[in-house]
């Protein structure tokens, strides 16, 4: 049976030889896995969070404070009464 094109038989080089495999790197170890969090750190984080919220919600607050123009009603009361009277006749 003929071999597939490009296939080799024998030889010293096995399958996958010649391709470089990445070498396993040791995991980077953290210097101090348990970091001390102080009250000052928590206060600073809370202040940054409050500032971020205020900045994000500022456009919404401005939109709520501006008065909305009064809209004219879309329906006409006389037209409604006319339609109601026509329905009663039917």
C-alpha atoms as a PDB file:
ATOM      1  CA  UNK A   1       0.000   0.000   0.000  1.00  0.00           C
ATOM      2  CA  UNK A   2       1.521   3.359  -0.958  1.00  0.00           C
ATOM      3  CA  UNK A   3       2.346   5.833   1.762  1.00  0.00           C
ATOM      4  CA  UNK A   4       0.629   9.176   1.967  1.00  0.00           C
ATOM      5  CA  UNK A   5       2.428  11.970   0.239  1.00  0.00           C
ATOM      6  CA  UNK A   6       4.958  13.668   2.484  1.00  0.00           C
ATOM      7  CA  UNK A   7       4.960  10.905   5.124  1.00  0.00           C
ATOM      8  CA  UNK A   8       8.325   9.618   6.336  1.00  0.00           C
ATOM      9  CA  UNK A   9       9.179   6.222   7.639  1.00  0.00           C
ATOM     10  CA  UNK A  10      11.701   5.736  10.346  1.00  0.00           C
ATOM     11  CA  UNK A  11      14.399   8.240  11.027  1.00  0.00           C
ATOM     12  CA  UNK A  12      15.504   9.718  14.290  1.00  0.00           C
ATOM     13  CA  UNK A  13      13.086  12.572  14.302  1.00  0.00           C
ATOM     14  CA  UNK A  14       9.723  11.598  15.633  1.00  0.00           C
ATOM     15  CA  UNK A  15       6.403  13.264  15.372  1.00  0.00           C
ATOM     16  CA  UNK A  16       6.413  16.923  16.407  1.00  0.00           C
ATOM     17  CA  UNK A  17      10.187  17.226  16.551  1.00  0.00           C
ATOM     18  CA  UNK A  18      11.476  20.513  15.253  1.00  0.00           C
ATOM     19  CA  UNK A  19       8.579  22.505  16.588  1.00  0.00           C
ATOM     20  CA  UNK A  20       9.485  24.461  19.664  1.00  0.00           C
ATOM     21  CA  UNK A  21       7.274  23.945  22.677  1.00  0.00           C
ATOM     22  CA  UNK A  22       6.956  26.787  25.179  1.00  0.00           C
ATOM     23  CA  UNK A  23       8.766  26.011  28.396  1.00  0.00           C
ATOM     24  CA  UNK A  24       6.732  26.042  31.545  1.00  0.00           C
ATOM     25  CA  UNK A  25       7.313  29.167  33.574  1.00  0.00           C
ATOM     26  CA  UNK A  26       7.148  29.058  37.367  1.00  0.00           C
ATOM     27  CA  UNK A  27       4.198  30.906  38.846  1.00  0.00           C
ATOM     28  CA  UNK A  28       4.916  34.399  40.095  1.00  0.00           C
ATOM     29  CA  UNK A  29       4.627  34.381  43.846  1.00  0.00           C
ATOM     30  CA  UNK A  30       3.020  37.301  45.603  1.00  0.00           C
ATOM     31  CA  UNK A  31       5.183  39.055  48.148  1.00  0.00           C
ATOM     32  CA  UNK A  32       2.460  39.413  50.759  1.00  0.00           C
ATOM     33  CA  UNK A  33      -0.736  37.542  50.029  1.00  0.00           C
ATOM     34  CA  UNK A  34      -2.565  39.102  52.985  1.00  0.00           C
ATOM     35  CA  UNK A  35      -2.341  42.868  52.605  1.00  0.00           C
ATOM     36  CA  UNK A  36      -3.359  45.027  55.531  1.00  0.00           C
ATOM     37  CA  UNK A  37      -6.231  47.351  54.710  1.00  0.00           C
ATOM     38  CA  UNK A  38      -6.505  50.332  56.991  1.00  0.00           C
ATOM     39  CA  UNK A  39      -9.451  52.557  57.776  1.00  0.00           C
ATOM     40  CA  UNK A  40      -7.785  55.320  55.744  1.00  0.00           C
ATOM     41  CA  UNK A  41      -7.674  53.021  52.693  1.00  0.00           C
ATOM     42  CA  UNK A  42     -11.358  52.198  53.082  1.00  0.00           C
ATOM     43  CA  UNK A  43     -12.261  55.877  53.459  1.00  0.00           C
ATOM     44  CA  UNK A  44     -10.265  56.777  50.348  1.00  0.00           C
ATOM     45  CA  UNK A  45     -11.965  54.010  48.342  1.00  0.00           C
ATOM     46  CA  UNK A  46     -15.384  55.142  49.530  1.00  0.00           C
ATOM     47  CA  UNK A  47     -14.629  58.762  48.586  1.00  0.00           C
ATOM     48  CA  UNK A  48     -13.520  57.700  45.095  1.00  0.00           C
ATOM     49  CA  UNK A  49     -16.682  55.624  44.735  1.00  0.00           C
ATOM     50  CA  UNK A  50     -18.908  58.528  45.828  1.00  0.00           C
ATOM     51  CA  UNK A  51     -17.132  60.872  43.389  1.00  0.00           C
ATOM     52  CA  UNK A  52     -17.584  58.371  40.567  1.00  0.00           C
ATOM     53  CA  UNK A  53     -21.304  58.025  41.324  1.00  0.00           C
ATOM     54  CA  UNK A  54     -21.781  61.789  41.525  1.00  0.00           C
ATOM     55  CA  UNK A  55     -20.035  62.294  38.171  1.00  0.00           C
ATOM     56  CA  UNK A  56     -22.021  59.517  36.497  1.00  0.00           C
ATOM     57  CA  UNK A  57     -25.393  60.708  37.818  1.00  0.00           C
ATOM     58  CA  UNK A  58     -24.840  64.455  37.290  1.00  0.00           C
ATOM     59  CA  UNK A  59     -26.576  64.566  33.862  1.00  0.00           C
ATOM     60  CA  UNK A  60     -29.575  62.735  35.307  1.00  0.00           C
ATOM     61  CA  UNK A  61     -29.879  65.170  38.217  1.00  0.00           C
ATOM     62  CA  UNK A  62     -29.628  68.160  35.887  1.00  0.00           C
ATOM     63  CA  UNK A  63     -32.378  66.719  33.680  1.00  0.00           C
ATOM     64  CA  UNK A  64     -34.636  66.173  36.684  1.00  0.00           C
ATOM     65  CA  UNK A  65     -34.164  69.721  37.975  1.00  0.00           C
ATOM     66  CA  UNK A  66     -35.104  71.449  34.722  1.00  0.00           C
ATOM     67  CA  UNK A  67     -38.874  71.987  34.511  1.00  0.00           C
ATOM     68  CA  UNK A  68     -40.597  70.065  31.762  1.00  0.00           C
ATOM     69  CA  UNK A  69     -42.815  72.103  29.427  1.00  0.00           C
ATOM     70  CA  UNK A  70     -46.498  71.423  29.838  1.00  0.00           C
ATOM     71  CA  UNK A  71     -47.864  69.434  26.951  1.00  0.00           C
ATOM     72  CA  UNK A  72     -51.160  70.174  25.312  1.00  0.00           C
ATOM     73  CA  UNK A  73     -53.583  67.278  25.578  1.00  0.00           C
ATOM     74  CA  UNK A  74     -53.662  65.209  22.407  1.00  0.00           C
ATOM     75  CA  UNK A  75     -57.362  64.476  22.604  1.00  0.00           C
ATOM     76  CA  UNK A  76     -60.200  66.904  22.133  1.00  0.00           C
ATOM     77  CA  UNK A  77     -62.961  66.685  24.786  1.00  0.00           C
ATOM     78  CA  UNK A  78     -65.664  67.681  22.291  1.00  0.00           C
ATOM     79  CA  UNK A  79     -64.557  64.988  19.882  1.00  0.00           C
ATOM     80  CA  UNK A  80     -64.725  62.435  22.669  1.00  0.00           C
ATOM     81  CA  UNK A  81     -68.252  63.535  23.607  1.00  0.00           C
ATOM     82  CA  UNK A  82     -69.322  63.293  19.973  1.00  0.00           C
ATOM     83  CA  UNK A  83     -67.927  59.784  19.683  1.00  0.00           C
ATOM     84  CA  UNK A  84     -69.614  58.751  22.928  1.00  0.00           C
ATOM     85  CA  UNK A  85     -72.983  60.098  21.735  1.00  0.00           C
ATOM     86  CA  UNK A  86     -72.620  58.262  18.426  1.00  0.00           C
ATOM     87  CA  UNK A  87     -71.880  55.018  20.239  1.00  0.00           C
ATOM     88  CA  UNK A  88     -74.973  55.393  22.396  1.00  0.00           C
ATOM     89  CA  UNK A  89     -77.182  55.833  19.312  1.00  0.00           C
ATOM     90  CA  UNK A  90     -75.921  52.618  17.748  1.00  0.00           C
END
